[in-house]
Amino acid sequence: MKDLINIYLRPLRVEDALISYKWRNDPEVWKYTGNRPDIAVTSEIETAWIKKVLQDTASKRFAICLEDGDEYIGNVQLTNMTKNDAEFHIFIGEKSYWGKGVGYQATNELIKFTRKNISLKQVYLFVKPVNTAAIRIYEKMGFYSVSEEKMMLEL
């Protein structure tokens, strides 16, 4: 059995840009996503972006951090929130934590938070069919496919 890496979620902070801008420039991090930046992202660009999105009342954005040492390793968020639904996003920027259960834990924590604190009926996400590891996580959490790239979770 592999060792469990314990994580926690905390609200995303402006200073997280000093780490996350590096992930934005790593094509491997964005291999399975649809939103890869088309420019080189500097810490200033990332800082401005985080400041902007933290003002968005239709989203809840969290940093994924290790319990042991508080290292910031990725993001998980709900965006495009309405009174009924929201879009789920996750990425682990620190590649050394890929395949270690972090994605499952972060997804689980955000879904628990949503059920307890936000009155939504469903959460949806978009995932590329080649991202089979993510799809397994989402299915384990109760998401089901509604199209080739869209999955839904009833809350």
N, C-alpha and C. Protein backbone atom coordinates (compact mmCIF):
# COMPACT_ATOMS: atom_id res chain seq x y z
N MET A 1 0.85 -1.19 0.00
CA MET A 1 0.00 0.00 0.00
C MET A 1 0.89 1.25 0.00
N LYS A 2 0.53 2.21 -0.87
CA LYS A 2 1.35 3.41 -0.92
C LYS A 2 1.05 4.32 0.26
N ASP A 3 2.06 5.10 0.65
CA ASP A 3 1.88 6.04 1.75
C ASP A 3 0.92 7.14 1.33
N LEU A 4 -0.02 7.46 2.20
CA LEU A 4 -0.98 8.51 1.92
C LEU A 4 -0.34 9.86 2.18
N ILE A 5 -0.47 10.74 1.22
CA ILE A 5 0.01 12.11 1.38
C ILE A 5 -1.19 12.93 1.82
N ASN A 6 -1.13 13.47 3.01
CA ASN A 6 -2.25 14.23 3.54
C ASN A 6 -2.19 15.67 3.06
N ILE A 7 -3.34 16.16 2.63
CA ILE A 7 -3.44 17.53 2.13
C ILE A 7 -4.55 18.27 2.87
N TYR A 8 -4.56 19.57 2.69
CA TYR A 8 -5.69 20.38 3.13
C TYR A 8 -5.88 21.48 2.10
N LEU A 9 -7.07 22.05 2.12
CA LEU A 9 -7.38 23.16 1.23
C LEU A 9 -7.43 24.45 2.04
N ARG A 10 -6.91 25.50 1.44
CA ARG A 10 -7.03 26.83 2.03
C ARG A 10 -7.37 27.79 0.91
N PRO A 11 -7.96 28.93 1.23
CA PRO A 11 -8.27 29.88 0.17
C PRO A 11 -7.01 30.28 -0.60
N LEU A 12 -7.16 30.39 -1.91
CA LEU A 12 -6.06 30.85 -2.75
C LEU A 12 -5.67 32.26 -2.33
N ARG A 13 -4.38 32.55 -2.34
CA ARG A 13 -3.88 33.87 -1.94
C ARG A 13 -3.05 34.48 -3.06
N VAL A 14 -2.98 35.79 -3.09
CA VAL A 14 -2.23 36.50 -4.12
C VAL A 14 -0.78 36.03 -4.16
N GLU A 15 -0.18 35.82 -3.02
CA GLU A 15 1.23 35.41 -2.99
C GLU A 15 1.47 34.02 -3.57
N ASP A 16 0.40 33.25 -3.77
CA ASP A 16 0.55 31.94 -4.42
C ASP A 16 1.05 32.09 -5.85
N ALA A 17 0.87 33.25 -6.43
CA ALA A 17 1.34 33.51 -7.80
C ALA A 17 2.84 33.30 -7.93
N LEU A 18 3.58 33.50 -6.86
CA LEU A 18 5.03 33.35 -6.92
C LEU A 18 5.45 31.90 -7.15
N ILE A 19 4.53 30.99 -6.93
CA ILE A 19 4.77 29.57 -7.23
C ILE A 19 4.01 29.15 -8.48
N SER A 20 2.73 29.49 -8.55
CA SER A 20 1.88 28.96 -9.62
C SER A 20 2.24 29.46 -11.01
N TYR A 21 2.89 30.60 -11.13
CA TYR A 21 3.25 31.07 -12.47
C TYR A 21 4.20 30.07 -13.16
N LYS A 22 5.01 29.38 -12.37
CA LYS A 22 5.93 28.39 -12.95
C LYS A 22 5.14 27.22 -13.56
N TRP A 23 4.06 26.83 -12.90
CA TRP A 23 3.23 25.74 -13.42
C TRP A 23 2.58 26.14 -14.74
N ARG A 24 2.23 27.40 -14.85
CA ARG A 24 1.55 27.88 -16.07
C ARG A 24 2.46 27.79 -17.30
N ASN A 25 3.75 27.74 -17.07
CA ASN A 25 4.70 27.67 -18.17
C ASN A 25 5.21 26.26 -18.45
N ASP A 26 4.66 25.28 -17.77
CA ASP A 26 5.09 23.90 -17.93
C ASP A 26 4.07 23.16 -18.80
N PRO A 27 4.41 22.88 -20.06
CA PRO A 27 3.44 22.23 -20.95
C PRO A 27 2.97 20.87 -20.45
N GLU A 28 3.80 20.18 -19.67
CA GLU A 28 3.38 18.87 -19.15
C GLU A 28 2.22 19.01 -18.17
N VAL A 29 2.22 20.08 -17.38
CA VAL A 29 1.13 20.32 -16.43
C VAL A 29 -0.19 20.50 -17.18
N TRP A 30 -0.13 21.09 -18.36
CA TRP A 30 -1.35 21.42 -19.11
C TRP A 30 -1.69 20.39 -20.18
N LYS A 31 -0.98 19.29 -20.20
CA LYS A 31 -1.17 18.27 -21.23
C LYS A 31 -2.63 17.79 -21.31
N TYR A 32 -3.28 17.67 -20.19
CA TYR A 32 -4.63 17.11 -20.17
C TYR A 32 -5.72 18.16 -19.97
N THR A 33 -5.37 19.43 -20.01
CA THR A 33 -6.38 20.46 -19.80
C THR A 33 -6.66 21.21 -21.09
N GLY A 34 -7.70 21.98 -21.09
CA GLY A 34 -8.05 22.75 -22.27
C GLY A 34 -7.67 24.21 -22.17
N ASN A 35 -7.05 24.62 -21.09
CA ASN A 35 -6.83 26.04 -20.86
C ASN A 35 -5.35 26.41 -20.72
N ARG A 36 -4.52 25.85 -21.54
CA ARG A 36 -3.09 26.16 -21.48
C ARG A 36 -2.85 27.59 -21.92
N PRO A 37 -2.07 28.36 -21.16
CA PRO A 37 -1.77 29.74 -21.55
C PRO A 37 -1.04 29.78 -22.90
N ASP A 38 -1.34 30.80 -23.69
CA ASP A 38 -0.70 30.93 -24.99
C ASP A 38 0.45 31.94 -24.99
N ILE A 39 0.83 32.39 -23.79
CA ILE A 39 1.97 33.29 -23.62
C ILE A 39 2.82 32.78 -22.47
N ALA A 40 4.04 33.28 -22.39
CA ALA A 40 4.86 32.98 -21.21
C ALA A 40 4.27 33.78 -20.04
N VAL A 41 3.96 33.09 -18.97
CA VAL A 41 3.34 33.73 -17.81
C VAL A 41 4.43 34.11 -16.81
N THR A 42 4.49 35.39 -16.49
CA THR A 42 5.43 35.88 -15.48
C THR A 42 4.73 35.90 -14.13
N SER A 43 5.51 36.11 -13.09
CA SER A 43 4.89 36.21 -11.76
C SER A 43 3.96 37.42 -11.69
N GLU A 44 4.28 38.48 -12.44
CA GLU A 44 3.43 39.67 -12.45
C GLU A 44 2.09 39.38 -13.14
N ILE A 45 2.14 38.65 -14.24
CA ILE A 45 0.90 38.28 -14.95
C ILE A 45 0.04 37.39 -14.06
N GLU A 46 0.67 36.41 -13.43
CA GLU A 46 -0.05 35.49 -12.55
C GLU A 46 -0.63 36.23 -11.34
N THR A 47 0.13 37.15 -10.77
CA THR A 47 -0.36 37.94 -9.64
C THR A 47 -1.60 38.74 -10.03
N ALA A 48 -1.54 39.40 -11.18
CA ALA A 48 -2.68 40.19 -11.66
C ALA A 48 -3.89 39.28 -11.88
N TRP A 49 -3.66 38.09 -12.44
CA TRP A 49 -4.75 37.14 -12.68
C TRP A 49 -5.38 36.71 -11.36
N ILE A 50 -4.55 36.33 -10.38
CA ILE A 50 -5.10 35.90 -9.10
C ILE A 50 -5.87 37.03 -8.43
N LYS A 51 -5.34 38.24 -8.44
CA LYS A 51 -6.07 39.37 -7.87
C LYS A 51 -7.45 39.51 -8.51
N LYS A 52 -7.49 39.36 -9.83
CA LYS A 52 -8.75 39.49 -10.56
C LYS A 52 -9.73 38.38 -10.19
N VAL A 53 -9.28 37.12 -10.23
CA VAL A 53 -10.22 36.02 -9.98
C VAL A 53 -10.66 35.93 -8.53
N LEU A 54 -9.84 36.44 -7.61
CA LEU A 54 -10.27 36.43 -6.21
C LEU A 54 -11.40 37.42 -5.95
N GLN A 55 -11.62 38.34 -6.86
CA GLN A 55 -12.73 39.29 -6.76
C GLN A 55 -14.03 38.71 -7.33
N ASP A 56 -13.93 37.60 -8.03
CA ASP A 56 -15.08 37.00 -8.69
C ASP A 56 -15.98 36.32 -7.66
N THR A 57 -17.18 36.83 -7.48
CA THR A 57 -18.10 36.27 -6.49
C THR A 57 -18.76 34.98 -6.98
N ALA A 58 -18.57 34.65 -8.26
CA ALA A 58 -19.14 33.42 -8.82
C ALA A 58 -18.11 32.29 -8.82
N SER A 59 -17.12 32.39 -7.94
CA SER A 59 -16.14 31.30 -7.84
C SER A 59 -15.63 31.16 -6.41
N LYS A 60 -15.16 29.97 -6.11
CA LYS A 60 -14.49 29.65 -4.86
C LYS A 60 -13.20 28.96 -5.25
N ARG A 61 -12.06 29.54 -4.88
CA ARG A 61 -10.75 29.04 -5.33
C ARG A 61 -9.89 28.69 -4.11
N PHE A 62 -9.29 27.51 -4.19
CA PHE A 62 -8.49 27.00 -3.07
C PHE A 62 -7.13 26.51 -3.54
N ALA A 63 -6.17 26.65 -2.65
CA ALA A 63 -4.84 26.07 -2.84
C ALA A 63 -4.86 24.70 -2.20
N ILE A 64 -4.22 23.75 -2.87
CA ILE A 64 -4.01 22.42 -2.30
C ILE A 64 -2.64 22.44 -1.64
N CYS A 65 -2.60 22.14 -0.35
CA CYS A 65 -1.35 22.21 0.41
C CYS A 65 -1.11 20.90 1.16
N LEU A 66 0.16 20.59 1.35
CA LEU A 66 0.53 19.42 2.13
C LEU A 66 0.40 19.72 3.60
N GLU A 67 -0.19 18.80 4.35
CA GLU A 67 -0.28 18.98 5.80
C GLU A 67 1.11 19.02 6.42
N ASP A 68 1.99 18.20 5.89
CA ASP A 68 3.36 18.15 6.39
C ASP A 68 4.20 19.20 5.67
N GLY A 69 4.35 20.37 6.27
CA GLY A 69 5.18 21.42 5.71
C GLY A 69 4.46 22.55 5.01
N ASP A 70 3.16 22.43 4.82
CA ASP A 70 2.35 23.49 4.22
C ASP A 70 2.72 23.83 2.78
N GLU A 71 3.39 22.94 2.06
CA GLU A 71 3.78 23.23 0.68
C GLU A 71 2.55 23.35 -0.21
N TYR A 72 2.49 24.39 -1.01
CA TYR A 72 1.42 24.64 -1.98
C TYR A 72 1.74 23.85 -3.24
N ILE A 73 0.81 22.94 -3.64
CA ILE A 73 1.12 22.04 -4.75
C ILE A 73 0.10 22.06 -5.89
N GLY A 74 -0.99 22.79 -5.74
CA GLY A 74 -1.98 22.82 -6.82
C GLY A 74 -3.19 23.65 -6.45
N ASN A 75 -4.17 23.64 -7.35
CA ASN A 75 -5.39 24.42 -7.16
C ASN A 75 -6.61 23.53 -7.38
N VAL A 76 -7.67 23.85 -6.68
CA VAL A 76 -8.98 23.24 -6.91
C VAL A 76 -10.00 24.36 -6.73
N GLN A 77 -11.00 24.36 -7.61
CA GLN A 77 -11.92 25.50 -7.57
C GLN A 77 -13.28 25.19 -8.18
N LEU A 78 -14.22 26.01 -7.81
CA LEU A 78 -15.54 26.05 -8.43
C LEU A 78 -15.65 27.39 -9.12
N THR A 79 -16.06 27.39 -10.39
CA THR A 79 -16.23 28.64 -11.12
C THR A 79 -17.60 28.65 -11.79
N ASN A 80 -17.94 29.78 -12.37
CA ASN A 80 -19.22 29.92 -13.09
C ASN A 80 -20.40 29.49 -12.22
N MET A 81 -20.32 29.82 -10.93
CA MET A 81 -21.36 29.41 -10.00
C MET A 81 -22.67 30.16 -10.26
N THR A 82 -23.75 29.39 -10.26
CA THR A 82 -25.10 29.95 -10.30
C THR A 82 -25.79 29.47 -9.03
N LYS A 83 -27.08 29.71 -8.91
CA LYS A 83 -27.76 29.22 -7.70
C LYS A 83 -27.91 27.70 -7.73
N ASN A 84 -27.75 27.08 -8.92
CA ASN A 84 -27.95 25.64 -9.04
C ASN A 84 -26.68 24.82 -9.26
N ASP A 85 -25.69 25.40 -9.96
CA ASP A 85 -24.54 24.58 -10.31
C ASP A 85 -23.25 25.40 -10.38
N ALA A 86 -22.15 24.68 -10.57
CA ALA A 86 -20.83 25.30 -10.69
C ALA A 86 -19.93 24.35 -11.47
N GLU A 87 -18.90 24.93 -12.06
CA GLU A 87 -17.91 24.14 -12.80
C GLU A 87 -16.72 23.85 -11.89
N PHE A 88 -16.32 22.59 -11.86
CA PHE A 88 -15.21 22.12 -11.04
C PHE A 88 -13.92 22.11 -11.86
N HIS A 89 -12.82 22.54 -11.23
CA HIS A 89 -11.49 22.52 -11.85
C HIS A 89 -10.48 22.04 -10.82
N ILE A 90 -9.48 21.33 -11.29
CA ILE A 90 -8.38 20.92 -10.40
C ILE A 90 -7.12 20.75 -11.23
N PHE A 91 -5.99 21.11 -10.65
CA PHE A 91 -4.72 20.70 -11.22
C PHE A 91 -3.68 20.61 -10.11
N ILE A 92 -2.81 19.65 -10.26
CA ILE A 92 -1.68 19.48 -9.35
C ILE A 92 -0.47 20.00 -10.12
N GLY A 93 0.06 21.13 -9.70
CA GLY A 93 1.18 21.75 -10.40
C GLY A 93 2.51 21.10 -10.09
N GLU A 94 2.65 20.63 -8.87
CA GLU A 94 3.90 19.97 -8.47
C GLU A 94 3.83 18.52 -8.93
N LYS A 95 4.51 18.22 -10.03
CA LYS A 95 4.40 16.92 -10.68
C LYS A 95 4.88 15.77 -9.80
N SER A 96 5.72 16.03 -8.84
CA SER A 96 6.19 14.94 -7.97
C SER A 96 5.05 14.37 -7.13
N TYR A 97 3.90 15.03 -7.10
CA TYR A 97 2.74 14.55 -6.35
C TYR A 97 1.67 13.94 -7.25
N TRP A 98 1.95 13.81 -8.54
CA TRP A 98 1.02 13.15 -9.44
C TRP A 98 0.97 11.66 -9.11
N GLY A 99 -0.20 11.10 -9.19
CA GLY A 99 -0.37 9.66 -8.98
C GLY A 99 -0.25 9.22 -7.54
N LYS A 100 -0.38 10.14 -6.62
CA LYS A 100 -0.21 9.81 -5.19
C LYS A 100 -1.48 10.02 -4.38
N GLY A 101 -2.62 10.16 -5.06
CA GLY A 101 -3.89 10.30 -4.35
C GLY A 101 -4.27 11.71 -4.00
N VAL A 102 -3.46 12.68 -4.36
CA VAL A 102 -3.73 14.08 -4.02
C VAL A 102 -4.98 14.58 -4.74
N GLY A 103 -5.12 14.22 -6.02
CA GLY A 103 -6.28 14.66 -6.78
C GLY A 103 -7.58 14.16 -6.18
N TYR A 104 -7.59 12.90 -5.78
CA TYR A 104 -8.78 12.33 -5.14
C TYR A 104 -9.11 13.07 -3.84
N GLN A 105 -8.08 13.25 -3.00
CA GLN A 105 -8.33 13.91 -1.72
C GLN A 105 -8.83 15.34 -1.90
N ALA A 106 -8.21 16.08 -2.82
CA ALA A 106 -8.60 17.48 -3.03
C ALA A 106 -10.02 17.56 -3.59
N THR A 107 -10.35 16.65 -4.52
CA THR A 107 -11.71 16.61 -5.06
C THR A 107 -12.70 16.30 -3.95
N ASN A 108 -12.39 15.31 -3.14
CA ASN A 108 -13.26 14.92 -2.04
C ASN A 108 -13.46 16.09 -1.06
N GLU A 109 -12.37 16.77 -0.72
CA GLU A 109 -12.48 17.90 0.22
C GLU A 109 -13.34 19.03 -0.34
N LEU A 110 -13.18 19.34 -1.61
CA LEU A 110 -13.97 20.42 -2.19
C LEU A 110 -15.44 20.03 -2.30
N ILE A 111 -15.72 18.79 -2.63
CA ILE A 111 -17.12 18.34 -2.70
C ILE A 111 -17.75 18.37 -1.30
N LYS A 112 -17.03 17.92 -0.27
CA LYS A 112 -17.55 17.99 1.10
C LYS A 112 -17.82 19.43 1.48
N PHE A 113 -16.88 20.34 1.18
CA PHE A 113 -17.07 21.77 1.46
C PHE A 113 -18.32 22.30 0.76
N THR A 114 -18.48 21.93 -0.49
CA THR A 114 -19.62 22.40 -1.28
C THR A 114 -20.93 21.92 -0.69
N ARG A 115 -20.99 20.65 -0.35
CA ARG A 115 -22.23 20.10 0.22
C ARG A 115 -22.59 20.77 1.55
N LYS A 116 -21.58 21.12 2.32
CA LYS A 116 -21.82 21.71 3.64
C LYS A 116 -22.10 23.21 3.57
N ASN A 117 -21.45 23.92 2.64
CA ASN A 117 -21.46 25.38 2.69
C ASN A 117 -22.13 26.10 1.52
N ILE A 118 -22.41 25.40 0.45
CA ILE A 118 -22.96 26.06 -0.73
C ILE A 118 -24.19 25.27 -1.19
N SER A 119 -25.26 25.97 -1.43
CA SER A 119 -26.51 25.30 -1.84
C SER A 119 -26.55 25.13 -3.35
N LEU A 120 -25.85 24.14 -3.84
CA LEU A 120 -25.86 23.82 -5.27
C LEU A 120 -26.58 22.48 -5.47
N LYS A 121 -27.14 22.31 -6.65
CA LYS A 121 -27.77 21.04 -6.99
C LYS A 121 -26.81 20.10 -7.69
N GLN A 122 -25.84 20.69 -8.42
CA GLN A 122 -24.89 19.85 -9.14
C GLN A 122 -23.59 20.59 -9.43
N VAL A 123 -22.58 19.80 -9.68
CA VAL A 123 -21.26 20.29 -10.08
C VAL A 123 -20.92 19.56 -11.37
N TYR A 124 -20.38 20.29 -12.33
CA TYR A 124 -20.00 19.67 -13.59
C TYR A 124 -18.53 19.98 -13.88
N LEU A 125 -17.94 19.21 -14.78
CA LEU A 125 -16.55 19.43 -15.15
C LEU A 125 -16.35 18.97 -16.58
N PHE A 126 -15.25 19.41 -17.14
CA PHE A 126 -14.84 18.99 -18.47
C PHE A 126 -13.50 18.29 -18.33
N VAL A 127 -13.38 17.13 -18.97
CA VAL A 127 -12.15 16.34 -18.89
C VAL A 127 -11.91 15.69 -20.26
N LYS A 128 -10.66 15.72 -20.68
CA LYS A 128 -10.31 15.07 -21.95
C LYS A 128 -10.38 13.55 -21.77
N PRO A 129 -10.93 12.85 -22.74
CA PRO A 129 -11.05 11.38 -22.61
C PRO A 129 -9.71 10.67 -22.38
N VAL A 130 -8.60 11.26 -22.83
CA VAL A 130 -7.29 10.63 -22.61
C VAL A 130 -6.83 10.73 -21.16
N ASN A 131 -7.47 11.55 -20.36
CA ASN A 131 -7.08 11.74 -18.96
C ASN A 131 -7.79 10.68 -18.11
N THR A 132 -7.43 9.44 -18.33
CA THR A 132 -8.12 8.34 -17.67
C THR A 132 -7.94 8.33 -16.15
N ALA A 133 -6.81 8.80 -15.67
CA ALA A 133 -6.59 8.85 -14.21
C ALA A 133 -7.61 9.79 -13.57
N ALA A 134 -7.80 10.96 -14.17
CA ALA A 134 -8.78 11.92 -13.63
C ALA A 134 -10.19 11.35 -13.72
N ILE A 135 -10.51 10.73 -14.82
CA ILE A 135 -11.86 10.17 -14.99
C ILE A 135 -12.14 9.13 -13.91
N ARG A 136 -11.15 8.30 -13.59
CA ARG A 136 -11.34 7.30 -12.51
C ARG A 136 -11.64 8.00 -11.18
N ILE A 137 -10.91 9.08 -10.89
CA ILE A 137 -11.15 9.83 -9.65
C ILE A 137 -12.58 10.37 -9.64
N TYR A 138 -12.98 11.00 -10.74
CA TYR A 138 -14.32 11.61 -10.80
C TYR A 138 -15.41 10.55 -10.66
N GLU A 139 -15.24 9.41 -11.31
CA GLU A 139 -16.23 8.35 -11.19
C GLU A 139 -16.29 7.82 -9.75
N LYS A 140 -15.15 7.70 -9.12
CA LYS A 140 -15.11 7.25 -7.72
C LYS A 140 -15.86 8.23 -6.81
N MET A 141 -15.83 9.52 -7.18
CA MET A 141 -16.52 10.55 -6.40
C MET A 141 -18.01 10.62 -6.71
N GLY A 142 -18.46 9.90 -7.75
CA GLY A 142 -19.88 9.90 -8.10
C GLY A 142 -20.23 10.70 -9.34
N PHE A 143 -19.24 11.27 -10.01
CA PHE A 143 -19.51 11.96 -11.27
C PHE A 143 -19.89 10.93 -12.32
N TYR A 144 -20.73 11.33 -13.24
CA TYR A 144 -21.08 10.46 -14.36
C TYR A 144 -20.97 11.26 -15.66
N SER A 145 -20.73 10.55 -16.76
CA SER A 145 -20.54 11.20 -18.06
C SER A 145 -21.88 11.65 -18.63
N VAL A 146 -21.89 12.87 -19.17
CA VAL A 146 -23.07 13.36 -19.88
C VAL A 146 -22.75 13.62 -21.35
N SER A 147 -21.48 13.64 -21.68
CA SER A 147 -21.02 13.73 -23.07
C SER A 147 -19.57 13.24 -23.09
N GLU A 148 -18.93 13.32 -24.24
CA GLU A 148 -17.57 12.79 -24.35
C GLU A 148 -16.61 13.46 -23.37
N GLU A 149 -16.77 14.76 -23.11
CA GLU A 149 -15.83 15.47 -22.24
C GLU A 149 -16.47 16.07 -20.99
N LYS A 150 -17.76 15.94 -20.82
CA LYS A 150 -18.43 16.56 -19.67
C LYS A 150 -18.93 15.49 -18.70
N MET A 151 -18.70 15.76 -17.41
CA MET A 151 -19.18 14.89 -16.34
C MET A 151 -19.97 15.72 -15.35
N MET A 152 -20.87 15.07 -14.61
CA MET A 152 -21.77 15.75 -13.70
C MET A 152 -21.82 15.00 -12.37
N LEU A 153 -22.01 15.77 -11.30
CA LEU A 153 -22.21 15.20 -9.96
C LEU A 153 -23.43 15.86 -9.36
N GLU A 154 -24.40 15.05 -8.97
CA GLU A 154 -25.58 15.56 -8.27
C GLU A 154 -25.22 15.70 -6.79
N LEU A 155 -25.59 16.83 -6.20
CA LEU A 155 -25.23 17.06 -4.79
C LEU A 155 -26.38 16.80 -3.86
